[in-house]
Amino acid sequence: MTETKTFKITGVINKHKLFIPLSFKKEIKAVKLEHALEKIYTELGSRHRAKRNQITILSVEELDNKVENSGY
């Protein structure tokens, strides 16, 4: 069974009609980094009508998936 990982991806969307780039920070669950990047491109492209060359990924960080026991 494959283990899913959580990636924290930050970047900007540069559209020529906007004067200020839109910045984003999103956590995505995926098996591989390539799948997480593909999901970011499809979601942001669909939501903001942005082409892939208008989306710039600034950083990708893999988050720890360990769940801490809170005593319950």
N, C-alpha and C. Protein backbone atom coordinates (compact mmCIF):
# COMPACT_ATOMS: atom_id res chain seq x y z
N MET A 1 0.85 -1.18 0.00
CA MET A 1 0.00 0.00 0.00
C MET A 1 0.89 1.24 0.00
N THR A 2 0.51 2.23 -0.76
CA THR A 2 1.32 3.43 -0.86
C THR A 2 0.98 4.39 0.27
N GLU A 3 1.99 5.09 0.70
CA GLU A 3 1.83 6.05 1.79
C GLU A 3 1.68 7.44 1.21
N THR A 4 0.64 8.14 1.64
CA THR A 4 0.46 9.51 1.17
C THR A 4 1.26 10.47 2.03
N LYS A 5 1.75 11.50 1.40
CA LYS A 5 2.54 12.53 2.07
C LYS A 5 1.80 13.85 1.94
N THR A 6 2.11 14.77 2.82
CA THR A 6 1.52 16.10 2.76
C THR A 6 2.61 17.09 2.36
N PHE A 7 2.34 17.87 1.31
CA PHE A 7 3.28 18.85 0.81
C PHE A 7 2.70 20.24 1.01
N LYS A 8 3.52 21.16 1.50
CA LYS A 8 3.13 22.56 1.63
C LYS A 8 3.79 23.32 0.48
N ILE A 9 2.97 23.86 -0.41
CA ILE A 9 3.46 24.49 -1.63
C ILE A 9 3.09 25.96 -1.61
N THR A 10 4.07 26.81 -1.85
CA THR A 10 3.83 28.25 -1.93
C THR A 10 4.28 28.76 -3.29
N GLY A 11 3.64 29.83 -3.75
CA GLY A 11 4.00 30.39 -5.03
C GLY A 11 3.17 31.60 -5.36
N VAL A 12 3.25 32.04 -6.61
CA VAL A 12 2.49 33.20 -7.08
C VAL A 12 1.86 32.90 -8.43
N ILE A 13 0.79 33.64 -8.72
CA ILE A 13 0.14 33.58 -10.03
C ILE A 13 0.31 34.95 -10.66
N ASN A 14 0.98 34.99 -11.81
CA ASN A 14 1.21 36.24 -12.53
C ASN A 14 0.29 36.28 -13.75
N LYS A 15 -0.77 37.06 -13.64
CA LYS A 15 -1.67 37.25 -14.78
C LYS A 15 -1.48 38.67 -15.30
N HIS A 16 -1.48 38.83 -16.60
CA HIS A 16 -1.20 40.14 -17.19
C HIS A 16 -2.29 41.16 -16.90
N LYS A 17 -3.50 40.73 -16.58
CA LYS A 17 -4.58 41.67 -16.27
C LYS A 17 -4.51 42.19 -14.84
N LEU A 18 -3.77 41.51 -13.98
CA LEU A 18 -3.66 41.92 -12.59
C LEU A 18 -2.40 42.74 -12.39
N PHE A 19 -2.48 43.77 -11.57
CA PHE A 19 -1.31 44.61 -11.32
C PHE A 19 -0.40 43.98 -10.26
N ILE A 20 -1.00 43.24 -9.33
CA ILE A 20 -0.24 42.62 -8.25
C ILE A 20 -0.39 41.10 -8.39
N PRO A 21 0.72 40.36 -8.34
CA PRO A 21 0.61 38.90 -8.42
C PRO A 21 -0.15 38.33 -7.22
N LEU A 22 -0.93 37.29 -7.47
CA LEU A 22 -1.65 36.59 -6.41
C LEU A 22 -0.72 35.57 -5.77
N SER A 23 -0.54 35.65 -4.47
CA SER A 23 0.30 34.66 -3.80
C SER A 23 -0.60 33.58 -3.20
N PHE A 24 -0.07 32.37 -3.10
CA PHE A 24 -0.84 31.26 -2.54
C PHE A 24 0.06 30.40 -1.67
N LYS A 25 -0.59 29.72 -0.74
CA LYS A 25 0.05 28.74 0.13
C LYS A 25 -0.97 27.63 0.34
N LYS A 26 -0.62 26.41 -0.05
CA LYS A 26 -1.60 25.33 -0.03
C LYS A 26 -0.94 24.03 0.42
N GLU A 27 -1.70 23.24 1.19
CA GLU A 27 -1.24 21.92 1.60
C GLU A 27 -1.98 20.88 0.77
N ILE A 28 -1.20 20.00 0.14
CA ILE A 28 -1.74 19.00 -0.77
C ILE A 28 -1.28 17.62 -0.30
N LYS A 29 -2.20 16.66 -0.30
CA LYS A 29 -1.84 15.27 0.01
C LYS A 29 -1.66 14.53 -1.31
N ALA A 30 -0.51 13.87 -1.44
CA ALA A 30 -0.20 13.12 -2.65
C ALA A 30 0.83 12.05 -2.33
N VAL A 31 0.99 11.11 -3.23
CA VAL A 31 1.96 10.04 -3.06
C VAL A 31 3.36 10.54 -3.39
N LYS A 32 3.48 11.30 -4.49
CA LYS A 32 4.78 11.81 -4.92
C LYS A 32 4.70 13.32 -5.11
N LEU A 33 5.85 13.95 -5.14
CA LEU A 33 5.94 15.39 -5.35
C LEU A 33 5.35 15.79 -6.70
N GLU A 34 5.60 15.00 -7.73
CA GLU A 34 5.09 15.31 -9.07
C GLU A 34 3.56 15.33 -9.08
N HIS A 35 2.95 14.43 -8.32
CA HIS A 35 1.48 14.41 -8.26
C HIS A 35 0.95 15.64 -7.54
N ALA A 36 1.65 16.09 -6.49
CA ALA A 36 1.23 17.28 -5.76
C ALA A 36 1.33 18.52 -6.65
N LEU A 37 2.41 18.64 -7.42
CA LEU A 37 2.57 19.78 -8.32
C LEU A 37 1.49 19.78 -9.41
N GLU A 38 1.18 18.62 -9.93
CA GLU A 38 0.13 18.51 -10.95
C GLU A 38 -1.21 18.95 -10.38
N LYS A 39 -1.48 18.56 -9.14
CA LYS A 39 -2.74 18.95 -8.49
C LYS A 39 -2.81 20.47 -8.29
N ILE A 40 -1.68 21.08 -7.90
CA ILE A 40 -1.64 22.54 -7.74
C ILE A 40 -1.93 23.23 -9.07
N TYR A 41 -1.26 22.80 -10.13
CA TYR A 41 -1.47 23.41 -11.43
C TYR A 41 -2.93 23.28 -11.90
N THR A 42 -3.53 22.12 -11.69
CA THR A 42 -4.91 21.93 -12.15
C THR A 42 -5.90 22.72 -11.30
N GLU A 43 -5.72 22.73 -9.97
CA GLU A 43 -6.65 23.45 -9.11
C GLU A 43 -6.57 24.97 -9.33
N LEU A 44 -5.35 25.51 -9.33
CA LEU A 44 -5.21 26.96 -9.50
C LEU A 44 -5.57 27.40 -10.92
N GLY A 45 -5.25 26.57 -11.88
CA GLY A 45 -5.61 26.90 -13.25
C GLY A 45 -7.11 26.91 -13.45
N SER A 46 -7.79 25.99 -12.80
CA SER A 46 -9.24 25.94 -12.90
C SER A 46 -9.90 27.07 -12.13
N ARG A 47 -9.42 27.34 -10.93
CA ARG A 47 -10.04 28.35 -10.07
C ARG A 47 -9.78 29.77 -10.56
N HIS A 48 -8.56 30.05 -11.04
CA HIS A 48 -8.18 31.42 -11.41
C HIS A 48 -8.00 31.60 -12.91
N ARG A 49 -8.32 30.58 -13.68
CA ARG A 49 -8.18 30.62 -15.14
C ARG A 49 -6.77 31.02 -15.55
N ALA A 50 -5.79 30.42 -14.89
CA ALA A 50 -4.38 30.73 -15.15
C ALA A 50 -3.74 29.58 -15.92
N LYS A 51 -2.90 29.92 -16.86
CA LYS A 51 -2.13 28.92 -17.59
C LYS A 51 -0.96 28.46 -16.71
N ARG A 52 -0.39 27.32 -17.06
CA ARG A 52 0.72 26.78 -16.26
C ARG A 52 1.93 27.69 -16.25
N ASN A 53 2.17 28.40 -17.34
CA ASN A 53 3.33 29.30 -17.37
C ASN A 53 3.09 30.58 -16.56
N GLN A 54 1.86 30.81 -16.10
CA GLN A 54 1.57 31.96 -15.24
C GLN A 54 1.68 31.62 -13.76
N ILE A 55 1.83 30.33 -13.43
CA ILE A 55 1.94 29.89 -12.04
C ILE A 55 3.41 29.60 -11.75
N THR A 56 3.94 30.26 -10.74
CA THR A 56 5.34 30.07 -10.34
C THR A 56 5.37 29.46 -8.95
N ILE A 57 6.02 28.30 -8.84
CA ILE A 57 6.17 27.62 -7.56
C ILE A 57 7.44 28.17 -6.89
N LEU A 58 7.30 28.73 -5.70
CA LEU A 58 8.45 29.30 -4.99
C LEU A 58 9.11 28.30 -4.04
N SER A 59 8.31 27.52 -3.33
CA SER A 59 8.89 26.54 -2.41
C SER A 59 7.95 25.37 -2.22
N VAL A 60 8.55 24.21 -1.97
CA VAL A 60 7.82 22.99 -1.67
C VAL A 60 8.45 22.39 -0.43
N GLU A 61 7.60 22.07 0.54
CA GLU A 61 8.08 21.51 1.81
C GLU A 61 7.24 20.28 2.13
N GLU A 62 7.92 19.17 2.45
CA GLU A 62 7.18 17.98 2.85
C GLU A 62 6.93 18.04 4.35
N LEU A 63 5.66 17.96 4.72
CA LEU A 63 5.30 18.05 6.13
C LEU A 63 5.31 16.67 6.77
N ASP A 64 5.51 16.65 8.06
CA ASP A 64 5.52 15.41 8.82
C ASP A 64 4.09 14.94 9.03
N ASN A 65 3.80 13.68 8.73
CA ASN A 65 2.44 13.16 8.83
C ASN A 65 2.15 12.53 10.18
N LYS A 66 3.06 12.61 11.12
CA LYS A 66 2.83 11.98 12.40
C LYS A 66 1.73 12.72 13.17
N VAL A 67 0.81 11.97 13.71
CA VAL A 67 -0.28 12.55 14.49
C VAL A 67 0.08 12.40 15.95
N GLU A 68 0.08 13.53 16.65
CA GLU A 68 0.43 13.49 18.06
C GLU A 68 -0.78 13.10 18.88
N ASN A 69 -0.58 12.30 19.89
CA ASN A 69 -1.64 11.87 20.77
C ASN A 69 -1.95 12.99 21.75
N SER A 70 -3.20 13.46 21.76
CA SER A 70 -3.56 14.56 22.60
C SER A 70 -4.14 14.11 23.95
N GLY A 71 -4.13 12.81 24.21
CA GLY A 71 -4.60 12.30 25.48
C GLY A 71 -6.05 11.87 25.49
N TYR A 72 -6.71 11.90 24.35
CA TYR A 72 -8.11 11.48 24.30
C TYR A 72 -8.24 10.06 23.87
